């Protein structure tokens, strides 16, 4: 495997991991809301937003201009 191919593969995996992380945060929030029958605590929502922003920063470092930022802006 060539160096450029390996770098491309790693960039794809990092982006995909960031996508999975952000979706898992959303699933956790949704599950919490269902179980509580109310939204998660505000402190959790703020922490989750910060974690999403970090994951997005990492993802965009390796793949710019994807739908991830637009998608995350729709998460509540």
PDB file of N, CA and C in Angstrom:
ATOM      1  N   UNK A   1       0.848  -1.170   0.000  1.00  0.00           N
ATOM      2  CA  UNK A   1       0.000   0.000   0.000  1.00  0.00           C
ATOM      3  C   UNK A   1       0.898   1.240   0.000  1.00  0.00           C
ATOM      4  N   UNK A   2       0.593   2.144  -0.897  1.00  0.00           N
ATOM      5  CA  UNK A   2       1.397   3.366  -1.008  1.00  0.00           C
ATOM      6  C   UNK A   2       1.064   4.336   0.125  1.00  0.00           C
ATOM      7  N   UNK A   3       2.014   5.217   0.399  1.00  0.00           N
ATOM      8  CA  UNK A   3       1.867   6.188   1.476  1.00  0.00           C
ATOM      9  C   UNK A   3       0.636   7.066   1.274  1.00  0.00           C
ATOM     10  N   UNK A   4       0.406   7.542   0.054  1.00  0.00           N
ATOM     11  CA  UNK A   4      -0.752   8.406  -0.191  1.00  0.00           C
ATOM     12  C   UNK A   4      -2.065   7.641  -0.022  1.00  0.00           C
ATOM     13  N   UNK A   5      -2.079   6.397  -0.421  1.00  0.00           N
ATOM     14  CA  UNK A   5      -3.277   5.579  -0.260  1.00  0.00           C
ATOM     15  C   UNK A   5      -3.559   5.335   1.232  1.00  0.00           C
ATOM     16  N   UNK A   6      -2.513   5.080   1.993  1.00  0.00           N
ATOM     17  CA  UNK A   6      -2.651   4.869   3.432  1.00  0.00           C
ATOM     18  C   UNK A   6      -3.153   6.143   4.111  1.00  0.00           C
ATOM     19  N   UNK A   7      -2.593   7.289   3.741  1.00  0.00           N
ATOM     20  CA  UNK A   7      -3.028   8.561   4.317  1.00  0.00           C
ATOM     21  C   UNK A   7      -4.497   8.827   3.997  1.00  0.00           C
ATOM     22  N   UNK A   8      -4.897   8.537   2.780  1.00  0.00           N
ATOM     23  CA  UNK A   8      -6.285   8.732   2.380  1.00  0.00           C
ATOM     24  C   UNK A   8      -7.215   7.819   3.174  1.00  0.00           C
ATOM     25  N   UNK A   9      -6.813   6.582   3.339  1.00  0.00           N
ATOM     26  CA  UNK A   9      -7.618   5.630   4.093  1.00  0.00           C
ATOM     27  C   UNK A   9      -7.752   6.076   5.552  1.00  0.00           C
ATOM     28  N   UNK A  10      -6.674   6.522   6.156  1.00  0.00           N
ATOM     29  CA  UNK A  10      -6.714   6.984   7.541  1.00  0.00           C
ATOM     30  C   UNK A  10      -7.587   8.229   7.682  1.00  0.00           C
ATOM     31  N   UNK A  11      -7.503   9.137   6.731  1.00  0.00           N
ATOM     32  CA  UNK A  11      -8.353  10.331   6.748  1.00  0.00           C
ATOM     33  C   UNK A  11      -9.824   9.933   6.670  1.00  0.00           C
ATOM     34  N   UNK A  12     -10.135   8.977   5.818  1.00  0.00           N
ATOM     35  CA  UNK A  12     -11.518   8.491   5.708  1.00  0.00           C
ATOM     36  C   UNK A  12     -11.981   7.871   7.020  1.00  0.00           C
ATOM     37  N   UNK A  13     -11.137   7.085   7.652  1.00  0.00           N
ATOM     38  CA  UNK A  13     -11.497   6.435   8.910  1.00  0.00           C
ATOM     39  C   UNK A  13     -11.688   7.451  10.035  1.00  0.00           C
ATOM     40  N   UNK A  14     -10.859   8.467  10.076  1.00  0.00           N
ATOM     41  CA  UNK A  14     -10.994   9.511  11.087  1.00  0.00           C
ATOM     42  C   UNK A  14     -12.311  10.248  10.886  1.00  0.00           C
ATOM     43  N   UNK A  15     -12.635  10.573   9.635  1.00  0.00           N
ATOM     44  CA  UNK A  15     -13.890  11.251   9.342  1.00  0.00           C
ATOM     45  C   UNK A  15     -15.079  10.377   9.744  1.00  0.00           C
ATOM     46  N   UNK A  16     -15.019   9.106   9.378  1.00  0.00           N
ATOM     47  CA  UNK A  16     -16.100   8.186   9.705  1.00  0.00           C
ATOM     48  C   UNK A  16     -16.254   8.020  11.214  1.00  0.00           C
ATOM     49  N   UNK A  17     -15.164   7.945  11.943  1.00  0.00           N
ATOM     50  CA  UNK A  17     -15.223   7.860  13.405  1.00  0.00           C
ATOM     51  C   UNK A  17     -15.883   9.106  13.997  1.00  0.00           C
ATOM     52  N   UNK A  18     -15.583  10.268  13.462  1.00  0.00           N
ATOM     53  CA  UNK A  18     -16.206  11.499  13.944  1.00  0.00           C
ATOM     54  C   UNK A  18     -17.709  11.481  13.659  1.00  0.00           C
ATOM     55  N   UNK A  19     -18.092  11.001  12.501  1.00  0.00           N
ATOM     56  CA  UNK A  19     -19.511  10.875  12.168  1.00  0.00           C
ATOM     57  C   UNK A  19     -20.210   9.937  13.149  1.00  0.00           C
ATOM     58  N   UNK A  20     -19.622   8.789  13.389  1.00  0.00           N
ATOM     59  CA  UNK A  20     -20.199   7.814  14.322  1.00  0.00           C
ATOM     60  C   UNK A  20     -20.311   8.420  15.723  1.00  0.00           C
ATOM     61  N   UNK A  21     -19.300   9.133  16.144  1.00  0.00           N
ATOM     62  CA  UNK A  21     -19.319   9.747  17.479  1.00  0.00           C
ATOM     63  C   UNK A  21     -20.464  10.748  17.606  1.00  0.00           C
ATOM     64  N   UNK A  22     -20.644  11.583  16.600  1.00  0.00           N
ATOM     65  CA  UNK A  22     -21.707  12.590  16.689  1.00  0.00           C
ATOM     66  C   UNK A  22     -23.086  11.945  16.660  1.00  0.00           C
ATOM     67  N   UNK A  23     -23.244  10.907  15.865  1.00  0.00           N
ATOM     68  CA  UNK A  23     -24.535  10.216  15.813  1.00  0.00           C
ATOM     69  C   UNK A  23     -24.799   9.469  17.120  1.00  0.00           C
ATOM     70  N   UNK A  24     -23.776   8.922  17.720  1.00  0.00           N
ATOM     71  CA  UNK A  24     -23.940   8.237  19.005  1.00  0.00           C
ATOM     72  C   UNK A  24     -24.361   9.217  20.097  1.00  0.00           C
ATOM     73  N   UNK A  25     -23.813  10.407  20.076  1.00  0.00           N
ATOM     74  CA  UNK A  25     -24.234  11.443  21.030  1.00  0.00           C
ATOM     75  C   UNK A  25     -25.723  11.716  20.847  1.00  0.00           C
ATOM     76  N   UNK A  26     -26.161  11.817  19.601  1.00  0.00           N
ATOM     77  CA  UNK A  26     -27.577  12.096  19.337  1.00  0.00           C
ATOM     78  C   UNK A  26     -28.470  10.951  19.796  1.00  0.00           C
ATOM     79  N   UNK A  27     -28.048   9.728  19.548  1.00  0.00           N
ATOM     80  CA  UNK A  27     -28.818   8.564  19.990  1.00  0.00           C
ATOM     81  C   UNK A  27     -28.929   8.559  21.517  1.00  0.00           C
ATOM     82  N   UNK A  28     -27.837   8.893  22.189  1.00  0.00           N
ATOM     83  CA  UNK A  28     -27.836   8.951  23.649  1.00  0.00           C
ATOM     84  C   UNK A  28     -28.823  10.005  24.148  1.00  0.00           C
ATOM     85  N   UNK A  29     -28.815  11.182  23.530  1.00  0.00           N
ATOM     86  CA  UNK A  29     -29.752  12.237  23.926  1.00  0.00           C
ATOM     87  C   UNK A  29     -31.193  11.803  23.690  1.00  0.00           C
ATOM     88  N   UNK A  30     -31.455  11.212  22.534  1.00  0.00           N
ATOM     89  CA  UNK A  30     -32.815  10.784  22.218  1.00  0.00           C
ATOM     90  C   UNK A  30     -33.291   9.709  23.188  1.00  0.00           C
ATOM     91  N   UNK A  31     -32.426   8.757  23.493  1.00  0.00           N
ATOM     92  CA  UNK A  31     -32.782   7.690  24.432  1.00  0.00           C
ATOM     93  C   UNK A  31     -33.046   8.262  25.817  1.00  0.00           C
ATOM     94  N   UNK A  32     -32.214   9.182  26.236  1.00  0.00           N
ATOM     95  CA  UNK A  32     -32.410   9.824  27.536  1.00  0.00           C
ATOM     96  C   UNK A  32     -33.752  10.547  27.586  1.00  0.00           C
ATOM     97  N   UNK A  33     -34.076  11.260  26.533  1.00  0.00           N
ATOM     98  CA  UNK A  33     -35.343  11.996  26.485  1.00  0.00           C
ATOM     99  C   UNK A  33     -36.533  11.042  26.538  1.00  0.00           C
ATOM    100  N   UNK A  34     -36.427   9.922  25.855  1.00  0.00           N
ATOM    101  CA  UNK A  34     -37.514   8.941  25.865  1.00  0.00           C
ATOM    102  C   UNK A  34     -37.681   8.353  27.258  1.00  0.00           C
ATOM    103  N   UNK A  35     -36.584   7.967  27.879  1.00  0.00           N
ATOM    104  CA  UNK A  35     -36.656   7.352  29.203  1.00  0.00           C
ATOM    105  C   UNK A  35     -37.112   8.339  30.278  1.00  0.00           C
ATOM    106  N   UNK A  36     -36.678   9.567  30.184  1.00  0.00           N
ATOM    107  CA  UNK A  36     -37.035  10.585  31.174  1.00  0.00           C
ATOM    108  C   UNK A  36     -38.409  11.198  30.916  1.00  0.00           C
ATOM    109  N   UNK A  37     -38.843  11.070  29.661  1.00  0.00           N
ATOM    110  CA  UNK A  37     -40.065  11.745  29.204  1.00  0.00           C
ATOM    111  C   UNK A  37     -39.914  13.257  29.313  1.00  0.00           C
ATOM    112  N   UNK A  38     -38.680  13.696  29.144  1.00  0.00           N
ATOM    113  CA  UNK A  38     -38.331  15.116  29.135  1.00  0.00           C
ATOM    114  C   UNK A  38     -36.929  15.232  28.533  1.00  0.00           C
ATOM    115  N   UNK A  39     -36.573  16.423  28.108  1.00  0.00           N
ATOM    116  CA  UNK A  39     -35.221  16.588  27.537  1.00  0.00           C
ATOM    117  C   UNK A  39     -34.134  16.278  28.556  1.00  0.00           C
ATOM    118  N   UNK A  40     -32.943  15.911  28.066  1.00  0.00           N
ATOM    119  CA  UNK A  40     -31.815  15.712  28.987  1.00  0.00           C
ATOM    120  C   UNK A  40     -31.489  17.019  29.715  1.00  0.00           C
ATOM    121  N   UNK A  41     -30.792  16.931  30.834  1.00  0.00           N
ATOM    122  CA  UNK A  41     -30.406  18.155  31.555  1.00  0.00           C
ATOM    123  C   UNK A  41     -29.618  19.109  30.653  1.00  0.00           C
ATOM    124  N   UNK A  42     -29.806  20.383  30.886  1.00  0.00           N
ATOM    125  CA  UNK A  42     -29.137  21.414  30.079  1.00  0.00           C
ATOM    126  C   UNK A  42     -27.622  21.255  30.098  1.00  0.00           C
ATOM    127  N   UNK A  43     -27.072  20.856  31.249  1.00  0.00           N
ATOM    128  CA  UNK A  43     -25.615  20.684  31.341  1.00  0.00           C
ATOM    129  C   UNK A  43     -25.140  19.577  30.394  1.00  0.00           C
ATOM    130  N   UNK A  44     -25.925  18.516  30.265  1.00  0.00           N
ATOM    131  CA  UNK A  44     -25.563  17.444  29.326  1.00  0.00           C
ATOM    132  C   UNK A  44     -25.640  17.940  27.888  1.00  0.00           C
ATOM    133  N   UNK A  45     -26.692  18.676  27.579  1.00  0.00           N
ATOM    134  CA  UNK A  45     -26.846  19.193  26.215  1.00  0.00           C
ATOM    135  C   UNK A  45     -25.686  20.111  25.835  1.00  0.00           C
ATOM    136  N   UNK A  46     -25.247  20.933  26.781  1.00  0.00           N
ATOM    137  CA  UNK A  46     -24.118  21.836  26.510  1.00  0.00           C
ATOM    138  C   UNK A  46     -22.834  21.037  26.303  1.00  0.00           C
ATOM    139  N   UNK A  47     -22.612  20.028  27.143  1.00  0.00           N
ATOM    140  CA  UNK A  47     -21.427  19.180  26.987  1.00  0.00           C
ATOM    141  C   UNK A  47     -21.456  18.438  25.658  1.00  0.00           C
ATOM    142  N   UNK A  48     -22.623  17.907  25.306  1.00  0.00           N
ATOM    143  CA  UNK A  48     -22.743  17.186  24.037  1.00  0.00           C
ATOM    144  C   UNK A  48     -22.473  18.101  22.853  1.00  0.00           C
ATOM    145  N   UNK A  49     -22.953  19.336  22.925  1.00  0.00           N
ATOM    146  CA  UNK A  49     -22.691  20.286  21.835  1.00  0.00           C
ATOM    147  C   UNK A  49     -21.189  20.545  21.696  1.00  0.00           C
ATOM    148  N   UNK A  50     -20.508  20.680  22.822  1.00  0.00           N
ATOM    149  CA  UNK A  50     -19.059  20.900  22.786  1.00  0.00           C
ATOM    150  C   UNK A  50     -18.347  19.675  22.199  1.00  0.00           C
ATOM    151  N   UNK A  51     -18.791  18.483  22.568  1.00  0.00           N
ATOM    152  CA  UNK A  51     -18.182  17.259  22.032  1.00  0.00           C
ATOM    153  C   UNK A  51     -18.433  17.133  20.528  1.00  0.00           C
ATOM    154  N   UNK A  52     -19.642  17.499  20.083  1.00  0.00           N
ATOM    155  CA  UNK A  52     -19.937  17.487  18.644  1.00  0.00           C
ATOM    156  C   UNK A  52     -19.003  18.445  17.896  1.00  0.00           C
ATOM    157  N   UNK A  53     -18.790  19.610  18.475  1.00  0.00           N
ATOM    158  CA  UNK A  53     -17.928  20.607  17.831  1.00  0.00           C
ATOM    159  C   UNK A  53     -16.495  20.087  17.700  1.00  0.00           C
ATOM    160  N   UNK A  54     -16.015  19.403  18.721  1.00  0.00           N
ATOM    161  CA  UNK A  54     -14.666  18.826  18.658  1.00  0.00           C
ATOM    162  C   UNK A  54     -14.595  17.757  17.575  1.00  0.00           C
ATOM    163  N   UNK A  55     -15.586  16.876  17.544  1.00  0.00           N
ATOM    164  CA  UNK A  55     -15.608  15.824  16.527  1.00  0.00           C
ATOM    165  C   UNK A  55     -15.673  16.430  15.125  1.00  0.00           C
ATOM    166  N   UNK A  56     -16.473  17.481  14.963  1.00  0.00           N
ATOM    167  CA  UNK A  56     -16.570  18.142  13.661  1.00  0.00           C
ATOM    168  C   UNK A  56     -15.236  18.776  13.263  1.00  0.00           C
ATOM    169  N   UNK A  57     -14.569  19.400  14.201  1.00  0.00           N
ATOM    170  CA  UNK A  57     -13.257  20.004  13.921  1.00  0.00           C
ATOM    171  C   UNK A  57     -12.266  18.939  13.448  1.00  0.00           C
ATOM    172  N   UNK A  58     -12.270  17.806  14.127  1.00  0.00           N
ATOM    173  CA  UNK A  58     -11.374  16.714  13.729  1.00  0.00           C
ATOM    174  C   UNK A  58     -11.745  16.201  12.343  1.00  0.00           C
ATOM    175  N   UNK A  59     -13.041  15.980  12.113  1.00  0.00           N
ATOM    176  CA  UNK A  59     -13.489  15.463  10.817  1.00  0.00           C
ATOM    177  C   UNK A  59     -13.128  16.412   9.684  1.00  0.00           C
ATOM    178  N   UNK A  60     -13.355  17.712   9.897  1.00  0.00           N
ATOM    179  CA  UNK A  60     -13.089  18.682   8.835  1.00  0.00           C
ATOM    180  C   UNK A  60     -11.604  18.920   8.610  1.00  0.00           C
ATOM    181  N   UNK A  61     -10.790  18.533   9.557  1.00  0.00           N
ATOM    182  CA  UNK A  61      -9.339  18.631   9.365  1.00  0.00           C
ATOM    183  C   UNK A  61      -8.900  17.709   8.223  1.00  0.00           C
ATOM    184  N   UNK A  62      -9.622  16.603   8.057  1.00  0.00           N
ATOM    185  CA  UNK A  62      -9.247  15.607   7.057  1.00  0.00           C
ATOM    186  C   UNK A  62     -10.168  15.575   5.844  1.00  0.00           C
ATOM    187  N   UNK A  63     -11.405  16.033   6.002  1.00  0.00           N
ATOM    188  CA  UNK A  63     -12.354  16.098   4.889  1.00  0.00           C
ATOM    189  C   UNK A  63     -13.184  17.364   5.045  1.00  0.00           C
ATOM    190  N   UNK A  64     -12.855  18.362   4.262  1.00  0.00           N
ATOM    191  CA  UNK A  64     -13.583  19.629   4.321  1.00  0.00           C
ATOM    192  C   UNK A  64     -14.823  19.559   3.429  1.00  0.00           C
ATOM    193  N   UNK A  65     -15.766  20.424   3.727  1.00  0.00           N
ATOM    194  CA  UNK A  65     -16.950  20.607   2.884  1.00  0.00           C
ATOM    195  C   UNK A  65     -17.758  19.334   2.671  1.00  0.00           C
ATOM    196  N   UNK A  66     -18.004  18.611   3.756  1.00  0.00           N
ATOM    197  CA  UNK A  66     -18.908  17.464   3.676  1.00  0.00           C
ATOM    198  C   UNK A  66     -20.248  17.895   4.263  1.00  0.00           C
ATOM    199  N   UNK A  67     -21.201  17.020   4.243  1.00  0.00           N
ATOM    200  CA  UNK A  67     -22.530  17.321   4.784  1.00  0.00           C
ATOM    201  C   UNK A  67     -22.567  17.241   6.309  1.00  0.00           C
ATOM    202  N   UNK A  68     -21.483  16.859   6.940  1.00  0.00           N
ATOM    203  CA  UNK A  68     -21.498  16.651   8.388  1.00  0.00           C
ATOM    204  C   UNK A  68     -21.852  17.926   9.152  1.00  0.00           C
ATOM    205  N   UNK A  69     -21.264  19.038   8.825  1.00  0.00           N
ATOM    206  CA  UNK A  69     -21.553  20.285   9.547  1.00  0.00           C
ATOM    207  C   UNK A  69     -23.016  20.669   9.375  1.00  0.00           C
ATOM    208  N   UNK A  70     -23.519  20.567   8.169  1.00  0.00           N
ATOM    209  CA  UNK A  70     -24.919  20.893   7.905  1.00  0.00           C
ATOM    210  C   UNK A  70     -25.843  19.944   8.688  1.00  0.00           C
ATOM    211  N   UNK A  71     -25.497  18.682   8.700  1.00  0.00           N
ATOM    212  CA  UNK A  71     -26.300  17.689   9.416  1.00  0.00           C
ATOM    213  C   UNK A  71     -26.300  17.961  10.919  1.00  0.00           C
ATOM    214  N   UNK A  72     -25.132  18.250  11.460  1.00  0.00           N
ATOM    215  CA  UNK A  72     -25.038  18.486  12.911  1.00  0.00           C
ATOM    216  C   UNK A  72     -25.812  19.732  13.333  1.00  0.00           C
ATOM    217  N   UNK A  73     -25.899  20.698  12.441  1.00  0.00           N
ATOM    218  CA  UNK A  73     -26.645  21.916  12.794  1.00  0.00           C
ATOM    219  C   UNK A  73     -28.134  21.633  12.959  1.00  0.00           C
ATOM    220  N   UNK A  74     -28.602  20.508  12.419  1.00  0.00           N
ATOM    221  CA  UNK A  74     -30.010  20.132  12.549  1.00  0.00           C
ATOM    222  C   UNK A  74     -30.271  19.320  13.810  1.00  0.00           C
ATOM    223  N   UNK A  75     -29.230  18.808  14.450  1.00  0.00           N
ATOM    224  CA  UNK A  75     -29.415  18.067  15.702  1.00  0.00           C
ATOM    225  C   UNK A  75     -29.908  19.028  16.769  1.00  0.00           C
ATOM    226  N   UNK A  76     -30.796  18.549  17.603  1.00  0.00           N
ATOM    227  CA  UNK A  76     -31.315  19.396  18.675  1.00  0.00           C
ATOM    228  C   UNK A  76     -30.923  18.836  20.019  1.00  0.00           C
TER     229      UNK A  76
END
